[in-house]
Structures are given as C-alpha cells and as structure tokens.
Amino acid sequence: MKSIDTQKIGEGLYDLMNNDHKTLVAFGMIPHEIMKYVMDKVEDRIVKTYEEEWGFSEDLIRGSIKKSFLNRIEREIAVSIYSRASELGKMVV
C-alpha cells in the first residue's frame, strides 16, 4: 500500500485556497466543502489502490475502510493546513 502524504496534501490545499477560505483558516476553521471534497478523493484513491494491487471489489473495500482511519487522515490534513498558515504568519488564533 502506498503512503498518504498528508502534509503535502494539507500544504497544497492551503496554497490553493482563495482569500475567503484562508481567512477562515486564520481563525481556526476549515471550510467543510473543501475537507469533504479532499476526503472523498482520498477515499477514492485508497479504493483504487486496493482494487489495482489486491483485486478487491470496490464495495468490499469501501465497507472495510474504518471511519477512524479516515478521521485520522482528515485530522492530519487539517493540522498540515494550520501549520502552513502558521508558517506564513497568517494564523490569528
């Protein structure tokens, strides 16, 4: 299984955000629609990887991915977004 570079994902997301979204991040909030989109893509990539490498069906994989695993990835991406904002001196809180 390939690794998920949550730091690069978070930093890249922050760099792609518009100013309104960056303002929310500065106050400790990440727009829901951004995290939902990213987590959907992360889950899709996990499924695709398992399908390609192990030959498992999509339904089996989606049913087997633990919510706690996805929550950990989401948390790590969020921390990376805040870290990037902090490195750039953009955090208010």
Protein backbone atom coordinates (compact mmCIF):
# COMPACT_ATOMS: atom_id res chain seq x y z
CA MET A 1 0.00 0.00 0.00
CA LYS A 2 1.28 3.41 -0.91
CA SER A 3 1.51 6.01 1.82
CA ILE A 4 -0.63 9.13 2.04
CA ASP A 5 1.44 12.29 2.38
CA THR A 6 -0.99 14.27 4.49
CA GLN A 7 1.47 17.11 4.98
CA LYS A 8 1.81 17.77 1.25
CA ILE A 9 -1.94 17.47 0.78
CA GLY A 10 -2.61 19.99 3.56
CA GLU A 11 0.04 22.44 2.40
CA GLY A 12 -1.17 22.20 -1.19
CA LEU A 13 -4.76 22.73 -0.15
CA TYR A 14 -3.87 25.84 1.80
CA ASP A 15 -1.90 27.24 -1.12
CA LEU A 16 -4.89 26.66 -3.45
CA MET A 17 -7.47 28.27 -1.15
CA ASN A 18 -8.96 31.63 -2.03
CA ASN A 19 -8.61 34.55 0.39
CA ASP A 20 -12.03 33.99 1.98
CA HIS A 21 -11.13 30.41 2.85
CA LYS A 22 -7.69 31.44 4.12
CA THR A 23 -9.40 33.97 6.40
CA LEU A 24 -11.49 31.18 7.91
CA VAL A 25 -8.35 29.09 8.43
CA ALA A 26 -6.70 32.04 10.17
CA PHE A 27 -9.48 31.90 12.75
CA GLY A 28 -9.19 28.13 13.20
CA MET A 29 -11.89 26.95 10.80
CA ILE A 30 -11.52 24.89 7.63
CA PRO A 31 -14.39 25.12 5.14
CA HIS A 32 -16.42 21.91 5.22
CA GLU A 33 -16.81 21.67 1.46
CA ILE A 34 -13.03 21.65 1.00
CA MET A 35 -12.41 18.89 3.54
CA LYS A 36 -15.34 16.84 2.23
CA TYR A 37 -14.04 17.07 -1.32
CA VAL A 38 -10.50 16.12 -0.30
CA MET A 39 -11.58 13.23 1.91
CA ASP A 40 -13.80 11.87 -0.87
CA LYS A 41 -10.77 11.95 -3.18
CA VAL A 42 -8.53 10.32 -0.56
CA GLU A 43 -11.05 7.52 -0.04
CA ASP A 44 -11.40 7.07 -3.82
CA ARG A 45 -7.62 6.79 -4.12
CA ILE A 46 -7.45 4.19 -1.33
CA VAL A 47 -10.16 2.15 -3.05
CA LYS A 48 -8.44 2.40 -6.43
CA THR A 49 -5.11 1.34 -4.96
CA TYR A 50 -6.61 -1.73 -3.27
CA GLU A 51 -8.52 -2.64 -6.43
CA GLU A 52 -5.35 -2.43 -8.53
CA GLU A 53 -2.92 -4.05 -6.09
CA TRP A 54 -5.10 -6.69 -4.47
CA GLY A 55 -8.03 -7.18 -6.82
CA PHE A 56 -10.64 -6.49 -4.13
CA SER A 57 -14.06 -5.17 -5.17
CA GLU A 58 -14.97 -1.54 -4.56
CA ASP A 59 -17.90 -2.50 -2.32
CA LEU A 60 -15.70 -4.71 -0.16
CA ILE A 61 -13.06 -2.01 0.22
CA ARG A 62 -15.49 0.83 0.99
CA GLY A 63 -17.23 -1.37 3.55
CA SER A 64 -13.91 -2.29 5.17
CA ILE A 65 -12.31 1.14 5.50
CA LYS A 66 -12.63 2.11 9.12
CA LYS A 67 -14.07 5.53 9.87
CA SER A 68 -11.33 6.00 12.49
CA PHE A 69 -8.69 5.55 9.78
CA LEU A 70 -10.28 8.23 7.58
CA ASN A 71 -10.74 10.50 10.62
CA ARG A 72 -7.02 10.22 11.40
CA ILE A 73 -6.12 11.17 7.84
CA GLU A 74 -8.55 14.10 7.94
CA ARG A 75 -7.08 15.30 11.24
CA GLU A 76 -3.53 15.11 9.87
CA ILE A 77 -4.51 17.09 6.76
CA ALA A 78 -6.19 19.73 8.93
CA VAL A 79 -3.07 20.06 11.10
CA SER A 80 -0.99 20.49 7.95
CA ILE A 81 -3.30 23.24 6.71
CA TYR A 82 -2.96 25.10 10.00
CA SER A 83 0.80 24.52 10.04
CA ARG A 84 1.14 26.01 6.57
CA ALA A 85 -0.90 29.06 7.58
CA SER A 86 1.23 29.42 10.72
CA GLU A 87 4.48 29.18 8.74
CA LEU A 88 3.26 32.06 6.61
CA GLY A 89 2.27 34.08 9.70
CA LYS A 90 -1.41 34.00 8.80
CA MET A 91 -2.93 32.45 11.95
CA VAL A 92 -4.90 34.75 14.25
CA VAL A 93 -5.75 32.18 16.92
